[in-house]
Structure formats: structure tokens, C-alpha cells
Protein backbone atom coordinates (compact mmCIF):
# COMPACT_ATOMS: atom_id res chain seq x y z
CA MET A 1 0.06 -0.14 -0.06
CA ASN A 2 1.45 3.44 -1.14
CA SER A 3 0.34 5.82 1.56
CA HIS A 4 1.23 8.73 -0.56
CA SER A 5 -1.25 7.91 -3.32
CA PRO A 6 -3.40 10.72 -4.18
CA HIS A 7 -6.25 8.41 -4.68
CA ILE A 8 -6.13 6.47 -1.22
CA HIS A 9 -8.61 7.05 1.40
CA PRO A 10 -7.43 9.03 4.35
CA ALA A 11 -8.47 6.16 6.79
CA LEU A 12 -6.13 3.89 4.93
CA ALA A 13 -3.07 6.23 4.89
CA GLY A 14 -3.42 6.40 8.85
CA SER A 15 -5.10 9.55 8.97
CA LEU A 16 -6.51 10.75 12.25
CA SER A 17 -8.09 13.96 10.73
CA THR A 18 -11.52 12.63 10.35
CA THR A 19 -14.55 14.67 8.86
CA VAL A 20 -16.87 14.43 12.31
CA ARG A 21 -17.22 16.85 15.12
CA ALA A 22 -14.32 17.31 17.22
CA GLU A 23 -16.40 16.00 20.18
CA GLU A 24 -17.46 12.78 18.39
CA VAL A 25 -13.54 11.69 17.88
CA ILE A 26 -12.52 8.56 19.56
CA ASN A 27 -8.75 8.23 19.56
CA PHE A 28 -7.77 4.26 19.38
CA SER A 29 -4.18 5.23 18.41
CA PRO A 30 -1.50 2.71 20.02
CA GLY A 31 0.34 6.16 21.12
CA PRO A 32 1.11 8.78 21.45
CA THR A 33 -2.84 9.25 21.84
CA SER A 34 -5.30 11.22 23.79
CA LEU A 35 -5.32 11.97 27.64
CA PRO A 36 -8.67 11.70 29.88
CA GLU A 37 -10.95 14.87 28.93
CA ALA A 38 -10.84 16.26 32.27
CA VAL A 39 -7.03 16.06 32.15
CA GLU A 40 -6.91 17.97 28.55
CA GLN A 41 -9.60 20.64 30.15
CA VAL A 42 -7.16 21.20 33.09
CA ILE A 43 -4.01 21.71 30.73
CA ALA A 44 -6.26 24.19 28.64
CA THR A 45 -7.32 26.19 31.36
CA GLY A 46 -3.63 26.16 32.36
CA PHE A 47 -2.78 27.91 29.18
CA ASN A 48 -5.72 30.39 29.62
CA THR A 49 -4.37 31.46 32.94
CA PRO A 50 -2.36 34.71 33.17
CA GLY A 51 1.30 34.23 33.94
CA LEU A 52 3.82 31.66 32.62
CA THR A 53 3.28 28.38 31.90
CA SER A 54 5.48 25.51 32.64
CA LEU A 55 6.70 25.65 29.07
CA ALA A 56 8.48 28.74 29.72
CA LEU A 57 9.38 28.38 33.41
CA SER A 58 13.37 27.77 34.38
CA HIS A 59 13.65 24.32 35.75
CA ARG A 60 15.66 25.68 38.65
CA SER A 61 12.74 28.20 39.41
CA PRO A 62 10.62 27.72 42.61
CA GLU A 63 7.74 27.73 40.32
CA PHE A 64 8.75 24.80 38.86
CA LEU A 65 10.35 22.90 41.61
CA SER A 66 6.66 23.30 43.12
CA ILE A 67 5.47 21.53 40.04
CA LEU A 68 8.18 18.87 40.10
CA ASN A 69 7.58 17.88 43.92
CA HIS A 70 3.78 17.94 43.39
CA THR A 71 4.16 15.19 40.36
CA LEU A 72 6.73 13.22 42.39
CA ALA A 73 4.39 12.92 45.36
CA SER A 74 1.05 12.47 43.23
CA VAL A 75 3.06 9.75 41.24
CA ARG A 76 4.17 7.83 44.45
CA THR A 77 0.41 8.13 46.18
CA ALA A 78 -1.40 7.12 43.13
CA MET A 79 0.70 3.93 42.24
CA ASN A 80 1.64 3.25 45.90
CA ILE A 81 5.56 3.15 45.43
CA PRO A 82 7.45 2.36 48.64
CA GLU A 83 10.11 4.89 49.79
CA ASP A 84 12.56 2.29 48.71
CA TYR A 85 12.18 3.58 45.26
CA GLU A 86 13.47 6.82 43.47
CA ILE A 87 11.36 8.17 40.82
CA LEU A 88 13.21 9.75 37.80
CA PHE A 89 11.78 11.58 34.87
CA THR A 90 14.19 10.68 31.96
CA HIS A 91 15.05 11.30 28.29
CA GLY A 92 15.06 9.13 25.25
CA GLY A 93 11.63 7.30 25.49
CA GLY A 94 11.59 3.31 25.81
CA HIS A 95 14.43 3.02 23.61
CA GLY A 96 16.42 5.08 25.70
CA GLN A 97 16.02 2.86 28.64
CA PHE A 98 16.55 -0.37 26.44
CA ALA A 99 20.25 1.11 26.83
CA ALA A 100 19.95 2.84 30.27
CA VAL A 101 18.95 -0.53 31.92
CA PRO A 102 21.98 -2.45 31.08
CA LEU A 103 24.23 0.51 31.38
CA ASN A 104 23.06 1.10 34.72
CA LEU A 105 22.74 -2.62 36.05
CA CYS A 106 25.73 -4.23 34.47
CA HIS A 107 29.13 -2.77 35.22
CA ASP A 108 30.98 -5.04 32.58
CA LEU A 109 30.20 -6.17 29.04
CA SER A 110 30.34 -9.68 30.12
CA ASP A 111 27.86 -9.46 33.18
CA VAL A 112 24.83 -11.66 32.53
CA ALA A 113 21.03 -10.36 32.07
CA THR A 114 17.99 -12.52 31.63
CA TYR A 115 15.67 -11.25 28.98
CA VAL A 116 11.97 -13.06 28.79
CA VAL A 117 11.32 -12.17 24.86
CA ASN A 118 7.63 -12.57 24.19
CA GLY A 119 7.04 -9.90 21.84
CA THR A 120 8.21 -7.06 19.57
CA TRP A 121 9.33 -4.62 22.48
CA SER A 122 11.19 -7.23 24.70
CA LEU A 123 12.77 -8.47 21.54
CA ARG A 124 13.88 -4.94 20.80
CA GLY A 125 15.10 -4.21 24.18
CA ARG A 126 17.12 -7.57 24.39
CA ASP A 127 18.81 -6.64 21.16
CA GLU A 128 19.85 -3.01 22.28
CA ALA A 129 21.13 -4.89 25.41
CA ALA A 130 23.61 -6.92 23.39
CA ARG A 131 25.68 -3.86 23.27
CA TYR A 132 26.14 -3.34 26.80
CA CYS A 133 25.98 -6.88 28.38
CA ASN A 134 25.35 -10.72 27.72
CA PRO A 135 21.86 -11.19 27.53
CA GLN A 136 20.39 -14.55 27.87
CA THR A 137 17.04 -15.35 26.55
CA ILE A 138 14.06 -16.93 27.62
CA ASN A 139 12.29 -17.27 24.13
CA ALA A 140 8.43 -17.19 24.16
CA ALA A 141 8.05 -17.53 20.45
CA ASP A 142 6.00 -20.27 18.95
CA THR A 143 8.66 -23.07 17.79
CA GLU A 144 7.08 -23.52 14.58
CA THR A 145 5.48 -20.28 13.53
CA GLY A 146 7.81 -17.98 15.37
CA ALA A 147 4.64 -15.88 16.46
CA TYR A 148 4.37 -14.44 20.03
CA THR A 149 1.31 -15.58 21.73
CA GLY A 150 1.92 -16.60 25.22
CA PHE A 151 4.29 -15.64 28.21
CA PRO A 152 6.70 -18.47 29.55
CA GLU A 153 7.01 -19.96 32.97
CA LEU A 154 10.13 -18.31 34.89
CA THR A 155 11.99 -21.20 36.71
CA GLU A 156 15.41 -21.95 38.17
CA ALA A 157 16.10 -23.85 35.11
CA ASN A 158 15.84 -20.98 32.67
CA ILE A 159 17.02 -17.75 34.87
CA ASP A 160 20.85 -17.85 35.05
CA PRO A 161 21.64 -17.20 38.96
CA THR A 162 24.24 -14.90 38.12
CA SER A 163 21.88 -12.39 36.23
CA LYS A 164 22.18 -8.95 37.19
CA PHE A 165 18.49 -8.45 36.39
CA ILE A 166 15.48 -10.37 34.68
CA TYR A 167 13.82 -7.98 32.02
CA LEU A 168 10.38 -8.40 30.70
CA CYS A 169 7.66 -6.01 29.22
CA SER A 170 4.43 -6.31 30.91
CA ASN A 171 2.20 -5.57 27.86
CA GLU A 172 3.38 -6.09 24.28
CA THR A 173 1.26 -3.54 22.45
CA VAL A 174 1.92 -5.16 18.85
CA ASN A 175 1.19 -8.74 20.03
CA GLY A 176 -1.62 -7.98 22.37
CA ILE A 177 -0.26 -9.88 25.48
CA GLU A 178 -0.30 -8.65 28.91
CA LEU A 179 0.78 -9.72 32.31
CA HIS A 180 -2.03 -8.43 34.56
CA ARG A 181 -0.09 -9.19 37.57
CA LEU A 182 3.97 -9.28 37.76
CA PRO A 183 5.29 -12.97 38.00
CA LYS A 184 7.03 -14.04 41.19
CA LEU A 185 10.39 -15.38 40.78
CA PRO A 186 11.61 -18.78 42.39
CA GLU A 187 12.90 -18.67 45.67
CA SER A 188 16.31 -19.17 44.77
CA ARG A 189 16.17 -16.24 42.08
CA LYS A 190 14.56 -13.50 44.24
CA HIS A 191 17.88 -11.82 44.57
CA ILE A 192 17.78 -10.92 41.11
CA PRO A 193 15.95 -7.45 40.36
CA LEU A 194 12.96 -7.46 38.02
CA VAL A 195 13.01 -4.85 35.37
CA ILE A 196 9.73 -3.97 33.78
CA ASP A 197 8.95 -2.16 30.60
CA ALA A 198 5.46 -0.85 31.51
CA SER A 199 5.33 1.64 28.79
CA SER A 200 1.86 0.81 27.66
CA ASP A 201 0.12 -0.41 30.96
CA PHE A 202 1.50 1.89 33.88
CA SER A 203 -1.20 3.44 35.92
CA THR A 204 -3.90 0.90 34.92
CA LYS A 205 -3.44 -1.82 37.55
CA PRO A 206 -1.65 -2.33 41.00
CA ILE A 207 1.87 -3.13 41.13
CA ASP A 208 3.24 -5.42 44.05
CA TRP A 209 6.58 -3.53 44.24
CA LEU A 210 8.26 -5.29 46.88
CA GLU A 211 7.07 -8.88 46.79
CA CYS A 212 7.64 -9.10 43.14
CA GLY A 213 11.28 -7.86 43.60
CA VAL A 214 10.81 -4.85 40.91
CA GLY A 215 14.19 -3.38 40.49
CA VAL A 216 13.47 -0.91 37.65
CA LEU A 217 10.29 0.09 36.31
CA PHE A 218 9.99 2.59 33.54
CA ALA A 219 6.94 3.74 31.38
CA CYS A 220 6.95 6.15 28.36
CA ALA A 221 4.49 8.91 29.26
CA SER A 222 2.63 8.97 25.73
CA LYS A 223 0.27 6.04 26.35
CA ASN A 224 -1.39 6.46 29.66
CA ILE A 225 0.17 8.94 31.48
CA GLY A 226 1.26 12.26 29.36
CA HIS A 227 2.84 13.55 26.18
CA PRO A 228 5.79 12.11 24.27
CA GLY A 229 9.28 13.12 25.38
CA LEU A 230 9.09 12.03 28.95
CA THR A 231 9.61 8.62 30.45
CA LEU A 232 8.94 7.65 34.02
CA THR A 233 11.65 5.67 35.42
CA ILE A 234 11.44 4.33 39.07
CA VAL A 235 14.52 2.50 40.55
CA ARG A 236 15.11 0.64 43.91
CA LYS A 237 17.48 2.60 45.67
CA ASP A 238 19.86 -0.24 46.56
CA LEU A 239 20.36 -0.41 42.76
CA LEU A 240 21.97 3.30 42.91
CA GLY A 241 25.44 4.15 44.12
CA ALA A 242 29.14 5.16 42.78
CA GLY A 243 30.45 2.40 40.71
CA LYS A 244 27.45 0.46 39.95
CA ALA A 245 27.03 1.53 36.48
CA SER A 246 29.30 0.99 33.45
CA PRO A 247 31.90 3.12 32.73
CA LEU A 248 30.24 3.58 29.42
CA CYS A 249 27.14 5.11 30.85
CA PRO A 250 26.57 8.68 29.78
CA GLY A 251 25.52 11.10 32.50
CA VAL A 252 21.69 11.50 30.99
CA PHE A 253 21.26 7.93 31.32
CA ASN A 254 22.91 7.44 34.74
CA TYR A 255 20.43 6.88 37.30
CA THR A 256 22.74 7.79 40.25
CA THR A 257 23.69 10.74 38.58
CA ASN A 258 20.11 11.89 38.13
CA SER A 259 19.10 10.82 41.50
CA GLU A 260 21.82 12.79 43.20
CA ALA A 261 21.07 15.92 41.23
CA GLU A 262 17.36 15.40 42.29
CA GLY A 263 16.26 15.15 38.84
CA LEU A 264 17.83 18.65 37.40
CA TRP A 265 21.39 17.27 36.33
CA ASN A 266 20.00 18.53 33.10
CA THR A 267 16.97 20.46 31.60
CA PRO A 268 13.84 18.07 32.12
CA ALA A 269 10.61 17.94 30.11
CA THR A 270 8.97 20.60 32.40
CA PHE A 271 5.47 20.60 30.74
CA ASN A 272 5.42 17.02 30.42
CA ILE A 273 6.24 16.55 34.05
CA GLU A 274 3.57 18.62 34.85
CA VAL A 275 1.04 16.72 32.54
CA VAL A 276 2.01 13.69 34.49
CA GLY A 277 1.09 15.27 37.57
CA HIS A 278 -2.46 16.04 36.12
CA VAL A 279 -3.02 12.55 35.04
CA MET A 280 -2.06 11.28 38.66
CA ASP A 281 -4.37 13.74 40.14
CA TRP A 282 -7.15 12.53 37.88
CA ILE A 283 -6.48 8.80 38.78
CA LYS A 284 -6.83 9.67 42.17
CA ALA A 285 -9.89 11.78 42.00
CA GLU A 286 -11.56 8.93 39.98
CA GLY A 287 -11.19 6.21 42.72
CA GLY A 288 -7.21 5.22 42.49
CA VAL A 289 -5.80 2.61 40.35
CA ASP A 290 -8.13 -0.16 41.38
CA GLU A 291 -11.08 1.96 39.53
CA ILE A 292 -8.74 2.43 36.43
CA GLU A 293 -7.88 -1.24 36.40
CA ARG A 294 -11.78 -1.98 36.76
CA ARG A 295 -12.38 0.39 33.67
CA SER A 296 -9.64 -1.39 31.82
CA ILE A 297 -11.24 -4.66 32.31
CA ALA A 298 -14.58 -3.65 31.29
CA LYS A 299 -13.17 -1.82 28.11
CA ALA A 300 -11.36 -5.08 26.92
CA LYS A 301 -14.15 -7.35 27.74
CA THR A 302 -16.43 -5.28 25.72
CA LEU A 303 -14.32 -5.73 22.49
CA TYR A 304 -13.40 -9.36 23.07
CA ASP A 305 -16.85 -10.45 23.66
CA VAL A 306 -17.51 -9.10 20.17
CA ILE A 307 -14.78 -11.13 18.68
CA ASP A 308 -15.41 -14.61 20.37
CA GLY A 309 -18.93 -14.04 19.63
CA SER A 310 -18.68 -13.44 15.94
CA ASN A 311 -18.57 -16.76 14.75
CA GLY A 312 -15.12 -16.18 13.23
CA PHE A 313 -15.76 -12.97 11.42
CA TYR A 314 -13.37 -11.44 13.89
CA GLY A 315 -10.45 -13.13 15.12
CA THR A 316 -7.59 -12.36 17.42
CA PRO A 317 -3.91 -14.08 17.81
CA VAL A 318 -4.06 -14.52 21.55
CA THR A 319 -6.48 -17.36 22.67
CA ASP A 320 -5.19 -17.39 26.05
CA THR A 321 -7.81 -15.08 27.83
CA VAL A 322 -5.47 -14.85 30.96
CA LEU A 323 -2.80 -13.25 28.76
CA ARG A 324 -4.90 -11.13 26.47
CA SER A 325 -3.97 -7.43 26.53
CA ARG A 326 -6.69 -4.88 28.12
CA MET A 327 -4.54 -2.10 26.61
CA ASN A 328 -4.22 -3.29 22.94
CA VAL A 329 -6.61 -5.50 21.44
CA PRO A 330 -5.40 -6.79 17.96
CA PHE A 331 -8.31 -8.11 15.60
CA ASN A 332 -8.63 -9.11 11.96
CA ILE A 333 -11.62 -9.31 9.74
CA ALA A 334 -12.83 -12.34 7.67
CA GLY A 335 -9.26 -13.84 8.40
CA GLY A 336 -7.44 -10.63 7.23
CA ASP A 337 -9.76 -10.21 4.28
CA GLU A 338 -8.23 -6.97 2.61
CA LYS A 339 -11.21 -5.51 1.09
CA LEU A 340 -13.60 -5.98 4.20
CA THR A 341 -10.77 -4.59 6.37
CA ASP A 342 -10.38 -1.49 4.04
CA LYS A 343 -14.25 -1.37 4.13
CA PHE A 344 -14.02 -1.37 7.88
CA LEU A 345 -11.34 1.29 8.45
CA ILE A 346 -13.24 3.63 5.96
CA GLN A 347 -16.64 3.13 7.68
CA SER A 348 -15.34 3.36 11.33
CA TRP A 349 -13.20 6.53 10.35
CA GLU A 350 -16.00 8.26 8.87
CA LYS A 351 -18.01 7.71 12.26
CA GLY A 352 -14.80 9.26 14.26
CA MET A 353 -13.33 6.27 15.03
CA ILE A 354 -9.52 6.86 14.41
CA GLY A 355 -6.08 4.88 15.18
CA LEU A 356 -7.07 1.25 14.52
CA ARG A 357 -4.33 1.08 11.80
CA THR A 358 -1.60 3.38 11.96
CA LEU A 359 1.62 3.36 10.32
CA THR A 360 4.52 1.73 12.39
CA PRO A 361 8.19 0.85 11.93
CA PHE A 362 6.97 -2.77 11.50
CA GLY A 363 4.51 -1.75 8.77
CA VAL A 364 0.47 -1.94 9.24
CA GLY A 365 0.42 -5.49 10.51
CA ASP A 366 -1.62 -8.55 10.00
CA TYR A 367 -4.25 -7.07 12.73
CA LEU A 368 -6.02 -3.86 13.29
CA ARG A 369 -5.50 -2.76 17.05
CA ALA A 370 -7.97 -1.11 19.46
CA SER A 371 -5.85 0.52 21.89
CA LEU A 372 -7.72 1.33 25.11
CA TYR A 373 -5.65 3.70 27.05
CA ASN A 374 -6.62 5.84 30.10
CA GLY A 375 -7.98 8.57 27.61
CA VAL A 376 -10.61 6.08 26.18
CA THR A 377 -13.84 5.56 28.16
CA VAL A 378 -15.95 2.62 28.71
CA GLN A 379 -18.68 4.25 26.64
CA GLU A 380 -16.22 4.99 23.74
CA ALA A 381 -15.05 1.25 23.86
CA THR A 382 -19.00 0.10 23.54
CA THR A 383 -19.50 2.58 20.75
CA LEU A 384 -16.57 0.58 18.75
CA ALA A 385 -17.99 -2.85 19.98
CA ASP A 386 -21.49 -1.67 18.34
CA PHE A 387 -19.85 -0.73 15.37
CA MET A 388 -18.27 -4.19 15.02
CA ARG A 389 -21.43 -5.87 15.63
CA ALA A 390 -23.27 -4.06 12.95
CA PHE A 391 -20.57 -4.40 10.54
CA ALA A 392 -20.39 -7.98 11.11
CA ALA A 393 -23.97 -8.49 10.63
CA GLU A 394 -24.07 -6.45 7.32
CA ASN A 395 -21.17 -8.26 5.79
CA THR A 396 -21.70 -11.91 6.78
């Protein structure tokens, strides 16, 4: 498909500019995406209030330090983060943390780290880590098809006891696989810190920080908690300290350097930090992370019920319901029929449902994806489900 063809429908080129009224648009994009409406209203009010916004504040001014301290406190309380952890706002997105994790936790290139590879992003993380450490892989790919549709058991046999950390992605956005609770390691491996890429599911469910042995958790802001350009990185304090990071680790990625500088070693993303604070305030006002999880379950169930009840008209690659992602629901139409898929995309786009197929570094993929982040309401998920039912009835 040539997305630059003048004759292609905007929906098939990944356009997010539909023709309905703005208030009717539902953004199912995999990220960046929309924030909850209430948060967007708070941001808009800030821009209409006299005085400087955080975009123009010096990061060392008392005004910004007040914003920073509020956001740190709000993140900690909303997500029940123990005082054993340092909260950092880092640069470089998830890809930056793919490098930063081994650079901070592996002093030498020969240091071993265990990577659980069960999808696109954990694979990318493992491949980047190979530059800085010696990754050992627990591979969840199907031995025949190479597809990722499950998550492996973590055992003494497949975890190297000398590992500096065990790495996993708690929600694989492309593959539609999610760990609704973090795994607990075998007793003999509990000394190994767990590293979590939670970029697409952070803030949507509780985290048992201490019992699961979380050492580092990072989350790009642009899915559930903010805008692109900021990564929330949470580090257990015993992993900080002089001489622990690789000598190759640049200061901008060094957890200890940034912790000791209280997040001001270089200029942080001031506006984005403020937005994360607004999102955390919203989560608490809505009833906390347990309520956000309840909504996430409801949204995902609405769509999976349509898929499972369609007599095969819709398909999804993950059959294990325990591992189905609540954040990203992949589905195809009539086994991937191109004409029906294009028709579905055009009709849904014309009704204001956008982002179901966006262009990615991996092409458009075999499946459409409905991403159900915090900015999508239960009612909006129901609107898509109703459309899916009607489309199936009209085309079977």
C-alpha cells in the first residue's frame, strides 16, 4: 500500500483527521494518543491563565520545583510506590531505557542479564542490551510459526543465577499480550532485580513492588500518563550508588547521577512533568488505580466479547484469555480479508473512530488494533463494539 497515493482514502493512509465533530472523535491510536478529557481541560485552563506556563519556566525556579515536587508526590501516592524507590523523569523514551537499564545495572560487558522475549518490544530491548551486557534469552516464540502469543514460566532452570537483572515487558502492544500481575520469581532467584517495561500499561493496575522484587520499572508517558518526550523511570534505591553503572554510561542515562541531582542534572521536560502530575491527580480523583483497572477490564471485555461471539468473522491472535491485553486489542476481519478490512477502516473512520491502523516501523501488521488507554472511556469502547457487531451483521 502506498500511503502517499493521491487516490487513497485517508483512513487507509493512517489519517487521524476525520470529518466528524471534534467531540465525536474516539482516538484508538497505540500512542501517542489522547489523555482523559478532564486532564485535557486542566491543561487548557493552564494555558488560559495569566502568567507563565511550565513550558516557559526555568527548571530551577521555585515555581517549577513546586510542580516537580507535586508530580513526584502524586505519582508515589497514586501508584503506592514505597520509599525504597527513587522516581526519575528521564529522556530518550523506551529505546533510551533499553540502553540505560544494562548500562546502569551491568558494570562489565560480560555481565549476564536474563531477557524474557515474548513480543516486539522485549525483543528490541534484548537486542539493544547486547551492546552493553551478555543477555540470555527466555524465548516465548512459537517454535513452528515464530509468533508470540504467550508468556513462559520463569523457573530455576531458565534463569541464570548470576543475572544482574531479569527483564520483561508487561504489555506487548503489537502482539496483544499482557501480564495482569507481575510474576513472582522462584525462591532461589528472588535476589535478582526484576526490570519492567511498563510503557503501555503503567497506571492501569496495582503493582506489588516489593513482593515481586521490582528493581527498575520504566514507562513512556505517551500511552497512559502524558505526552511524548518523557519517560517515568522508577529505581530501587539499593541499585543506585557510585561505581555500580558501566563506565560507558552517559550522564544523561545514569540513574545515580540524576538521582543525586534531584532530577535536575540537565533540563527536564518541564511541561510533560506537569502533565503527568495532572494525570495522577485525575487517577486519584476517579477512585485510584483499582478503579482504573476496573474500567480497563470492562473496556477490553466489551471488545473481546464481540470478537469471540462473531463466529469467526473477527479473529484475535491471543487465545489464552489470561494473557489477553486490556490495553491493545488486536483483531482481523474475515481472516484478514483486505477488501473487508479497508471497508471497516473507512466506515469506522467516517464515524470518528481513528487510530485502528496506524503506520509503524513494522508496517501496518496483520491485525488492526484498538488501544484502550486511560483516554478511552468505557462508553467509547462500547461505541466501537456496537459498530463491530453491526459491521459483522452487514457483511456475513
